[in-house]
PDB file of all heavy atoms in Angstrom:
ATOM      1  N   LEU A   1      -6.247  13.509  13.804  1.00  0.00           N
ATOM      2  CA  LEU A   1      -6.062  12.668  12.628  1.00  0.00           C
ATOM      3  C   LEU A   1      -7.110  11.559  12.576  1.00  0.00           C
ATOM      4  O   LEU A   1      -7.573  11.182  11.493  1.00  0.00           O
ATOM      5  CB  LEU A   1      -4.653  12.082  12.613  1.00  0.00           C
ATOM      6  CG  LEU A   1      -3.535  13.116  12.415  1.00  0.00           C
ATOM      7  CD1 LEU A   1      -2.168  12.460  12.577  1.00  0.00           C
ATOM      8  CD2 LEU A   1      -3.640  13.788  11.051  1.00  0.00           C
ATOM      9  N   GLU A   2      -7.508  11.047  13.737  1.00  0.00           N
ATOM     10  CA  GLU A   2      -8.585  10.054  13.783  1.00  0.00           C
ATOM     11  C   GLU A   2      -9.870  10.652  13.207  1.00  0.00           C
ATOM     12  O   GLU A   2     -10.568  10.017  12.400  1.00  0.00           O
ATOM     13  CB  GLU A   2      -8.817   9.601  15.218  1.00  0.00           C
ATOM     14  CG  GLU A   2     -10.013   8.661  15.384  1.00  0.00           C
ATOM     15  CD  GLU A   2     -10.449   8.536  16.832  1.00  0.00           C
ATOM     16  OE1 GLU A   2     -10.636   9.589  17.484  1.00  0.00           O
ATOM     17  OE2 GLU A   2     -10.604   7.399  17.316  1.00  0.00           O
ATOM     18  N   ALA A   3     -10.189  11.882  13.618  1.00  0.00           N
ATOM     19  CA  ALA A   3     -11.407  12.533  13.128  1.00  0.00           C
ATOM     20  C   ALA A   3     -11.350  12.726  11.613  1.00  0.00           C
ATOM     21  O   ALA A   3     -12.348  12.514  10.908  1.00  0.00           O
ATOM     22  CB  ALA A   3     -11.601  13.873  13.826  1.00  0.00           C
ATOM     23  N   ALA A   4     -10.174  13.106  11.113  1.00  0.00           N
ATOM     24  CA  ALA A   4     -10.028  13.325   9.681  1.00  0.00           C
ATOM     25  C   ALA A   4     -10.168  12.021   8.892  1.00  0.00           C
ATOM     26  O   ALA A   4     -10.879  11.965   7.878  1.00  0.00           O
ATOM     27  CB  ALA A   4      -8.678  13.973   9.389  1.00  0.00           C
ATOM     28  N   VAL A   5      -9.494  10.970   9.355  1.00  0.00           N
ATOM     29  CA  VAL A   5      -9.600   9.672   8.690  1.00  0.00           C
ATOM     30  C   VAL A   5     -11.039   9.168   8.727  1.00  0.00           C
ATOM     31  O   VAL A   5     -11.567   8.667   7.726  1.00  0.00           O
ATOM     32  CB  VAL A   5      -8.642   8.651   9.349  1.00  0.00           C
ATOM     33  CG1 VAL A   5      -8.937   7.238   8.857  1.00  0.00           C
ATOM     34  CG2 VAL A   5      -7.195   9.003   9.054  1.00  0.00           C
ATOM     35  N   CYS A   6     -11.668   9.326   9.876  1.00  0.00           N
ATOM     36  CA  CYS A   6     -13.065   8.895  10.048  1.00  0.00           C
ATOM     37  C   CYS A   6     -13.972   9.622   9.060  1.00  0.00           C
ATOM     38  O   CYS A   6     -14.815   9.007   8.391  1.00  0.00           O
ATOM     39  CB  CYS A   6     -13.500   9.158  11.485  1.00  0.00           C
ATOM     40  SG  CYS A   6     -15.179   8.662  11.866  1.00  0.00           S
ATOM     41  N   ALA A   7     -13.797  10.941   8.942  1.00  0.00           N
ATOM     42  CA  ALA A   7     -14.615  11.720   8.009  1.00  0.00           C
ATOM     43  C   ALA A   7     -14.394  11.244   6.576  1.00  0.00           C
ATOM     44  O   ALA A   7     -15.353  11.148   5.787  1.00  0.00           O
ATOM     45  CB  ALA A   7     -14.274  13.200   8.138  1.00  0.00           C
ATOM     46  N   GLY A   8     -13.151  10.954   6.230  1.00  0.00           N
ATOM     47  CA  GLY A   8     -12.865  10.468   4.887  1.00  0.00           C
ATOM     48  C   GLY A   8     -13.550   9.155   4.588  1.00  0.00           C
ATOM     49  O   GLY A   8     -14.140   8.970   3.512  1.00  0.00           O
ATOM     50  N   ILE A   9     -13.475   8.231   5.531  1.00  0.00           N
ATOM     51  CA  ILE A   9     -14.102   6.921   5.352  1.00  0.00           C
ATOM     52  C   ILE A   9     -15.610   7.064   5.157  1.00  0.00           C
ATOM     53  O   ILE A   9     -16.198   6.493   4.227  1.00  0.00           O
ATOM     54  CB  ILE A   9     -13.788   6.014   6.566  1.00  0.00           C
ATOM     55  CG1 ILE A   9     -12.310   5.616   6.563  1.00  0.00           C
ATOM     56  CG2 ILE A   9     -14.683   4.769   6.564  1.00  0.00           C
ATOM     57  CD1 ILE A   9     -11.848   4.937   7.833  1.00  0.00           C
ATOM     58  N   CYS A  10     -16.238   7.827   6.016  1.00  0.00           N
ATOM     59  CA  CYS A  10     -17.700   7.975   5.955  1.00  0.00           C
ATOM     60  C   CYS A  10     -18.142   8.719   4.700  1.00  0.00           C
ATOM     61  O   CYS A  10     -19.224   8.469   4.166  1.00  0.00           O
ATOM     62  CB  CYS A  10     -18.209   8.700   7.193  1.00  0.00           C
ATOM     63  SG  CYS A  10     -18.021   7.750   8.720  1.00  0.00           S
ATOM     64  N   SER A  11     -17.300   9.628   4.195  1.00  0.00           N
ATOM     65  CA  SER A  11     -17.691  10.429   3.037  1.00  0.00           C
ATOM     66  C   SER A  11     -17.793   9.612   1.758  1.00  0.00           C
ATOM     67  O   SER A  11     -18.425  10.047   0.790  1.00  0.00           O
ATOM     68  CB  SER A  11     -16.705  11.584   2.846  1.00  0.00           C
ATOM     69  OG  SER A  11     -15.442  11.111   2.391  1.00  0.00           O
ATOM     70  N   VAL A  12     -17.181   8.424   1.731  1.00  0.00           N
ATOM     71  CA  VAL A  12     -17.297   7.561   0.551  1.00  0.00           C
ATOM     72  C   VAL A  12     -18.233   6.381   0.816  1.00  0.00           C
ATOM     73  O   VAL A  12     -18.242   5.399   0.065  1.00  0.00           O
ATOM     74  CB  VAL A  12     -15.918   7.062   0.078  1.00  0.00           C
ATOM     75  CG1 VAL A  12     -15.077   8.235  -0.408  1.00  0.00           C
ATOM     76  CG2 VAL A  12     -15.183   6.297   1.162  1.00  0.00           C
ATOM     77  N   GLY A  13     -19.016   6.483   1.899  1.00  0.00           N
ATOM     78  CA  GLY A  13     -20.070   5.510   2.138  1.00  0.00           C
ATOM     79  C   GLY A  13     -19.711   4.318   2.993  1.00  0.00           C
ATOM     80  O   GLY A  13     -20.540   3.411   3.173  1.00  0.00           O
ATOM     81  N   ALA A  14     -18.521   4.289   3.556  1.00  0.00           N
ATOM     82  CA  ALA A  14     -18.131   3.178   4.432  1.00  0.00           C
ATOM     83  C   ALA A  14     -18.386   3.562   5.890  1.00  0.00           C
ATOM     84  O   ALA A  14     -18.397   4.752   6.243  1.00  0.00           O
ATOM     85  CB  ALA A  14     -16.665   2.829   4.234  1.00  0.00           C
ATOM     86  N   ASP A  15     -18.586   2.565   6.739  1.00  0.00           N
ATOM     87  CA  ASP A  15     -18.721   2.796   8.177  1.00  0.00           C
ATOM     88  C   ASP A  15     -17.344   2.795   8.823  1.00  0.00           C
ATOM     89  O   ASP A  15     -16.462   2.026   8.431  1.00  0.00           O
ATOM     90  CB  ASP A  15     -19.574   1.705   8.836  1.00  0.00           C
ATOM     91  CG  ASP A  15     -21.042   1.792   8.441  1.00  0.00           C
ATOM     92  OD1 ASP A  15     -21.458   2.870   7.952  1.00  0.00           O
ATOM     93  OD2 ASP A  15     -21.763   0.791   8.610  1.00  0.00           O
ATOM     94  N   ALA A  16     -17.171   3.646   9.821  1.00  0.00           N
ATOM     95  CA  ALA A  16     -15.924   3.703  10.588  1.00  0.00           C
ATOM     96  C   ALA A  16     -16.216   3.284  12.012  1.00  0.00           C
ATOM     97  O   ALA A  16     -17.045   3.899  12.684  1.00  0.00           O
ATOM     98  CB  ALA A  16     -15.354   5.122  10.559  1.00  0.00           C
ATOM     99  N   GLU A  17     -15.553   2.232  12.474  1.00  0.00           N
ATOM    100  CA  GLU A  17     -15.728   1.785  13.860  1.00  0.00           C
ATOM    101  C   GLU A  17     -14.499   2.192  14.662  1.00  0.00           C
ATOM    102  O   GLU A  17     -13.380   1.746  14.383  1.00  0.00           O
ATOM    103  CB  GLU A  17     -15.931   0.274  13.937  1.00  0.00           C
ATOM    104  CG  GLU A  17     -16.214  -0.188  15.367  1.00  0.00           C
ATOM    105  CD  GLU A  17     -16.916  -1.523  15.452  1.00  0.00           C
ATOM    106  OE1 GLU A  17     -17.230  -2.109  14.393  1.00  0.00           O
ATOM    107  OE2 GLU A  17     -17.168  -1.992  16.585  1.00  0.00           O
ATOM    108  N   LEU A  18     -14.706   3.054  15.648  1.00  0.00           N
ATOM    109  CA  LEU A  18     -13.620   3.621  16.432  1.00  0.00           C
ATOM    110  C   LEU A  18     -13.304   2.715  17.618  1.00  0.00           C
ATOM    111  O   LEU A  18     -14.174   2.429  18.444  1.00  0.00           O
ATOM    112  CB  LEU A  18     -13.994   5.020  16.928  1.00  0.00           C
ATOM    113  CG  LEU A  18     -14.442   6.022  15.850  1.00  0.00           C
ATOM    114  CD1 LEU A  18     -14.654   7.402  16.465  1.00  0.00           C
ATOM    115  CD2 LEU A  18     -13.444   6.083  14.714  1.00  0.00           C
ATOM    116  N   LEU A  19     -12.051   2.279  17.703  1.00  0.00           N
ATOM    117  CA  LEU A  19     -11.616   1.370  18.766  1.00  0.00           C
ATOM    118  C   LEU A  19     -11.035   2.111  19.956  1.00  0.00           C
ATOM    119  O   LEU A  19     -10.826   1.510  21.013  1.00  0.00           O
ATOM    120  CB  LEU A  19     -10.563   0.394  18.223  1.00  0.00           C
ATOM    121  CG  LEU A  19     -10.958  -0.420  16.979  1.00  0.00           C
ATOM    122  CD1 LEU A  19      -9.798  -1.321  16.572  1.00  0.00           C
ATOM    123  CD2 LEU A  19     -12.214  -1.236  17.233  1.00  0.00           C
ATOM    124  N   GLY A  20     -10.724   3.402  19.786  1.00  0.00           N
ATOM    125  CA  GLY A  20     -10.072   4.150  20.854  1.00  0.00           C
ATOM    126  C   GLY A  20      -8.585   3.862  20.877  1.00  0.00           C
ATOM    127  O   GLY A  20      -7.987   3.460  19.879  1.00  0.00           O
ATOM    128  N   ILE A  21      -7.960   4.049  22.040  1.00  0.00           N
ATOM    129  CA  ILE A  21      -6.523   3.808  22.184  1.00  0.00           C
ATOM    130  C   ILE A  21      -6.289   2.316  22.396  1.00  0.00           C
ATOM    131  O   ILE A  21      -6.687   1.753  23.411  1.00  0.00           O
ATOM    132  CB  ILE A  21      -5.953   4.622  23.362  1.00  0.00           C
ATOM    133  CG1 ILE A  21      -6.070   6.125  23.055  1.00  0.00           C
ATOM    134  CG2 ILE A  21      -4.494   4.250  23.614  1.00  0.00           C
ATOM    135  CD1 ILE A  21      -5.673   7.019  24.209  1.00  0.00           C
ATOM    136  N   VAL A  22      -5.677   1.703  21.426  1.00  0.00           N
ATOM    137  CA  VAL A  22      -5.369   0.261  21.468  1.00  0.00           C
ATOM    138  C   VAL A  22      -4.022   0.039  20.784  1.00  0.00           C
ATOM    139  O   VAL A  22      -3.599   0.838  19.953  1.00  0.00           O
ATOM    140  CB  VAL A  22      -6.447  -0.587  20.752  1.00  0.00           C
ATOM    141  CG1 VAL A  22      -7.762  -0.569  21.502  1.00  0.00           C
ATOM    142  CG2 VAL A  22      -6.638  -0.124  19.310  1.00  0.00           C
ATOM    143  N   PRO A  23      -3.332  -1.043  21.100  1.00  0.00           N
ATOM    144  CA  PRO A  23      -2.105  -1.378  20.367  1.00  0.00           C
ATOM    145  C   PRO A  23      -2.391  -1.657  18.896  1.00  0.00           C
ATOM    146  O   PRO A  23      -3.488  -2.109  18.544  1.00  0.00           O
ATOM    147  CB  PRO A  23      -1.601  -2.641  21.079  1.00  0.00           C
ATOM    148  CG  PRO A  23      -2.250  -2.617  22.431  1.00  0.00           C
ATOM    149  CD  PRO A  23      -3.584  -1.982  22.213  1.00  0.00           C
ATOM    150  N   THR A  24      -1.413  -1.412  18.060  1.00  0.00           N
ATOM    151  CA  THR A  24      -1.560  -1.716  16.634  1.00  0.00           C
ATOM    152  C   THR A  24      -1.999  -3.157  16.386  1.00  0.00           C
ATOM    153  O   THR A  24      -2.904  -3.401  15.576  1.00  0.00           O
ATOM    154  CB  THR A  24      -0.245  -1.406  15.894  1.00  0.00           C
ATOM    155  OG1 THR A  24      -0.096   0.009  15.801  1.00  0.00           O
ATOM    156  CG2 THR A  24      -0.229  -1.995  14.498  1.00  0.00           C
ATOM    157  N   PRO A  25      -1.400  -4.169  17.049  1.00  0.00           N
ATOM    158  CA  PRO A  25      -1.849  -5.541  16.778  1.00  0.00           C
ATOM    159  C   PRO A  25      -3.294  -5.797  17.183  1.00  0.00           C
ATOM    160  O   PRO A  25      -3.911  -6.745  16.679  1.00  0.00           O
ATOM    161  CB  PRO A  25      -0.874  -6.407  17.588  1.00  0.00           C
ATOM    162  CG  PRO A  25      -0.243  -5.483  18.573  1.00  0.00           C
ATOM    163  CD  PRO A  25      -0.215  -4.148  17.920  1.00  0.00           C
ATOM    164  N   ALA A  26      -3.848  -4.970  18.063  1.00  0.00           N
ATOM    165  CA  ALA A  26      -5.267  -5.120  18.405  1.00  0.00           C
ATOM    166  C   ALA A  26      -6.143  -4.777  17.212  1.00  0.00           C
ATOM    167  O   ALA A  26      -7.151  -5.446  16.953  1.00  0.00           O
ATOM    168  CB  ALA A  26      -5.616  -4.231  19.600  1.00  0.00           C
ATOM    169  N   VAL A  27      -5.769  -3.742  16.472  1.00  0.00           N
ATOM    170  CA  VAL A  27      -6.514  -3.394  15.257  1.00  0.00           C
ATOM    171  C   VAL A  27      -6.471  -4.554  14.275  1.00  0.00           C
ATOM    172  O   VAL A  27      -7.501  -4.979  13.728  1.00  0.00           O
ATOM    173  CB  VAL A  27      -5.937  -2.119  14.606  1.00  0.00           C
ATOM    174  CG1 VAL A  27      -6.670  -1.804  13.302  1.00  0.00           C
ATOM    175  CG2 VAL A  27      -6.031  -0.935  15.562  1.00  0.00           C
ATOM    176  N   ALA A  28      -5.268  -5.098  14.055  1.00  0.00           N
ATOM    177  CA  ALA A  28      -5.112  -6.207  13.108  1.00  0.00           C
ATOM    178  C   ALA A  28      -5.970  -7.408  13.522  1.00  0.00           C
ATOM    179  O   ALA A  28      -6.620  -8.041  12.680  1.00  0.00           O
ATOM    180  CB  ALA A  28      -3.639  -6.602  13.012  1.00  0.00           C
ATOM    181  N   HIS A  29      -5.970  -7.733  14.815  1.00  0.00           N
ATOM    182  CA  HIS A  29      -6.752  -8.875  15.292  1.00  0.00           C
ATOM    183  C   HIS A  29      -8.254  -8.635  15.192  1.00  0.00           C
ATOM    184  O   HIS A  29      -9.014  -9.506  14.752  1.00  0.00           O
ATOM    185  CB  HIS A  29      -6.384  -9.184  16.742  1.00  0.00           C
ATOM    186  CG  HIS A  29      -7.351 -10.090  17.430  1.00  0.00           C
ATOM    187  ND1 HIS A  29      -7.515 -11.410  17.069  1.00  0.00           N
ATOM    188  CD2 HIS A  29      -8.253  -9.857  18.441  1.00  0.00           C
ATOM    189  CE1 HIS A  29      -8.456 -11.964  17.823  1.00  0.00           C
ATOM    190  NE2 HIS A  29      -8.921 -11.043  18.651  1.00  0.00           N
ATOM    191  N   LEU A  30      -8.705  -7.454  15.570  1.00  0.00           N
ATOM    192  CA  LEU A  30     -10.135  -7.186  15.653  1.00  0.00           C
ATOM    193  C   LEU A  30     -10.805  -7.057  14.295  1.00  0.00           C
ATOM    194  O   LEU A  30     -12.027  -7.122  14.196  1.00  0.00           O
ATOM    195  CB  LEU A  30     -10.380  -5.924  16.481  1.00  0.00           C
ATOM    196  CG  LEU A  30     -10.110  -6.096  17.990  1.00  0.00           C
ATOM    197  CD1 LEU A  30     -10.083  -4.746  18.695  1.00  0.00           C
ATOM    198  CD2 LEU A  30     -11.160  -7.004  18.618  1.00  0.00           C
ATOM    199  N   ILE A  31     -10.027  -6.879  13.237  1.00  0.00           N
ATOM    200  CA  ILE A  31     -10.615  -6.845  11.896  1.00  0.00           C
ATOM    201  C   ILE A  31     -11.420  -8.111  11.643  1.00  0.00           C
ATOM    202  O   ILE A  31     -12.558  -8.063  11.169  1.00  0.00           O
ATOM    203  CB  ILE A  31      -9.518  -6.662  10.831  1.00  0.00           C
ATOM    204  CG1 ILE A  31      -8.963  -5.239  10.880  1.00  0.00           C
ATOM    205  CG2 ILE A  31     -10.063  -6.961   9.426  1.00  0.00           C
ATOM    206  CD1 ILE A  31      -7.702  -5.039  10.056  1.00  0.00           C
ATOM    207  N   GLY A  32     -10.841  -9.264  11.977  1.00  0.00           N
ATOM    208  CA  GLY A  32     -11.565 -10.518  11.798  1.00  0.00           C
ATOM    209  C   GLY A  32     -12.677 -10.704  12.802  1.00  0.00           C
ATOM    210  O   GLY A  32     -13.792 -11.119  12.454  1.00  0.00           O
ATOM    211  N   THR A  33     -12.392 -10.385  14.059  1.00  0.00           N
ATOM    212  CA  THR A  33     -13.381 -10.567  15.126  1.00  0.00           C
ATOM    213  C   THR A  33     -14.639  -9.737  14.894  1.00  0.00           C
ATOM    214  O   THR A  33     -15.761 -10.197  15.147  1.00  0.00           O
ATOM    215  CB  THR A  33     -12.761 -10.183  16.484  1.00  0.00           C
ATOM    216  OG1 THR A  33     -11.605 -10.998  16.708  1.00  0.00           O
ATOM    217  CG2 THR A  33     -13.743 -10.390  17.621  1.00  0.00           C
ATOM    218  N   LEU A  34     -14.477  -8.511  14.406  1.00  0.00           N
ATOM    219  CA  LEU A  34     -15.603  -7.594  14.228  1.00  0.00           C
ATOM    220  C   LEU A  34     -16.131  -7.596  12.795  1.00  0.00           C
ATOM    221  O   LEU A  34     -16.998  -6.785  12.454  1.00  0.00           O
ATOM    222  CB  LEU A  34     -15.187  -6.175  14.624  1.00  0.00           C
ATOM    223  CG  LEU A  34     -14.768  -6.005  16.094  1.00  0.00           C
ATOM    224  CD1 LEU A  34     -14.310  -4.570  16.362  1.00  0.00           C
ATOM    225  CD2 LEU A  34     -15.915  -6.367  17.037  1.00  0.00           C
ATOM    226  N   GLY A  35     -15.620  -8.475  11.966  1.00  0.00           N
ATOM    227  CA  GLY A  35     -16.121  -8.593  10.604  1.00  0.00           C
ATOM    228  C   GLY A  35     -15.880  -7.364   9.755  1.00  0.00           C
ATOM    229  O   GLY A  35     -16.736  -6.976   8.947  1.00  0.00           O
ATOM    230  N   ALA A  36     -14.731  -6.738   9.918  1.00  0.00           N
ATOM    231  CA  ALA A  36     -14.418  -5.525   9.170  1.00  0.00           C
ATOM    232  C   ALA A  36     -13.706  -5.863   7.865  1.00  0.00           C
ATOM    233  O   ALA A  36     -13.212  -6.976   7.668  1.00  0.00           O
ATOM    234  CB  ALA A  36     -13.564  -4.595  10.016  1.00  0.00           C
ATOM    235  N   ASP A  37     -13.635  -4.880   6.992  1.00  0.00           N
ATOM    236  CA  ASP A  37     -12.998  -5.052   5.690  1.00  0.00           C
ATOM    237  C   ASP A  37     -11.569  -4.523   5.670  1.00  0.00           C
ATOM    238  O   ASP A  37     -10.867  -4.642   4.664  1.00  0.00           O
ATOM    239  CB  ASP A  37     -13.815  -4.331   4.621  1.00  0.00           C
ATOM    240  CG  ASP A  37     -15.228  -4.867   4.554  1.00  0.00           C
ATOM    241  OD1 ASP A  37     -15.406  -5.983   4.043  1.00  0.00           O
ATOM    242  OD2 ASP A  37     -16.154  -4.187   5.054  1.00  0.00           O
ATOM    243  N   GLY A  38     -11.155  -3.940   6.777  1.00  0.00           N
ATOM    244  CA  GLY A  38      -9.801  -3.423   6.891  1.00  0.00           C
ATOM    245  C   GLY A  38      -9.687  -2.608   8.163  1.00  0.00           C
ATOM    246  O   GLY A  38     -10.648  -2.468   8.928  1.00  0.00           O
ATOM    247  N   GLY A  39      -8.508  -2.097   8.396  1.00  0.00           N
ATOM    248  CA  GLY A  39      -8.287  -1.316   9.611  1.00  0.00           C
ATOM    249  C   GLY A  39      -7.233  -0.260   9.397  1.00  0.00           C
ATOM    250  O   GLY A  39      -6.370  -0.383   8.508  1.00  0.00           O
ATOM    251  N   ILE A  40      -7.303   0.795  10.191  1.00  0.00           N
ATOM    252  CA  ILE A  40      -6.326   1.873  10.151  1.00  0.00           C
ATOM    253  C   ILE A  40      -5.878   2.175  11.570  1.00  0.00           C
ATOM    254  O   ILE A  40      -6.706   2.284  12.474  1.00  0.00           O
ATOM    255  CB  ILE A  40      -6.915   3.141   9.504  1.00  0.00           C
ATOM    256  CG1 ILE A  40      -7.164   2.901   8.016  1.00  0.00           C
ATOM    257  CG2 ILE A  40      -5.998   4.345   9.698  1.00  0.00           C
ATOM    258  CD1 ILE A  40      -7.837   4.056   7.302  1.00  0.00           C
ATOM    259  N   MET A  41      -4.563   2.277  11.762  1.00  0.00           N
ATOM    260  CA  MET A  41      -3.993   2.661  13.048  1.00  0.00           C
ATOM    261  C   MET A  41      -3.339   4.019  12.899  1.00  0.00           C
ATOM    262  O   MET A  41      -2.475   4.212  12.035  1.00  0.00           O
ATOM    263  CB  MET A  41      -2.969   1.629  13.515  1.00  0.00           C
ATOM    264  CG  MET A  41      -2.313   1.962  14.851  1.00  0.00           C
ATOM    265  SD  MET A  41      -3.483   1.843  16.228  1.00  0.00           S
ATOM    266  CE  MET A  41      -2.442   2.367  17.604  1.00  0.00           C
ATOM    267  N   ILE A  42      -3.756   4.959  13.739  1.00  0.00           N
ATOM    268  CA  ILE A  42      -3.146   6.287  13.783  1.00  0.00           C
ATOM    269  C   ILE A  42      -2.020   6.231  14.803  1.00  0.00           C
ATOM    270  O   ILE A  42      -2.258   6.192  16.009  1.00  0.00           O
ATOM    271  CB  ILE A  42      -4.166   7.371  14.203  1.00  0.00           C
ATOM    272  CG1 ILE A  42      -5.461   7.259  13.408  1.00  0.00           C
ATOM    273  CG2 ILE A  42      -3.537   8.757  14.092  1.00  0.00           C
ATOM    274  CD1 ILE A  42      -5.345   7.582  11.959  1.00  0.00           C
ATOM    275  N   SER A  43      -0.787   6.193  14.334  1.00  0.00           N
ATOM    276  CA  SER A  43       0.345   6.071  15.257  1.00  0.00           C
ATOM    277  C   SER A  43       1.644   6.463  14.573  1.00  0.00           C
ATOM    278  O   SER A  43       1.861   6.157  13.400  1.00  0.00           O
ATOM    279  CB  SER A  43       0.466   4.638  15.778  1.00  0.00           C
ATOM    280  OG  SER A  43       1.621   4.502  16.598  1.00  0.00           O
ATOM    281  N   GLY A  44       2.505   7.108  15.342  1.00  0.00           N
ATOM    282  CA  GLY A  44       3.864   7.385  14.902  1.00  0.00           C
ATOM    283  C   GLY A  44       4.836   6.355  15.413  1.00  0.00           C
ATOM    284  O   GLY A  44       6.054   6.580  15.395  1.00  0.00           O
TER     285      GLY A  44
END
């Protein structure tokens, strides 16, 4: 699912930065730290 989401993001011209296995709140925090425009967490 990460690969699929990544392909979707890149196909519309955005960059995808892969964080690997991290807690959901890490994604939320790193959006600001890494200057991103948003974040996606693949998790059930």
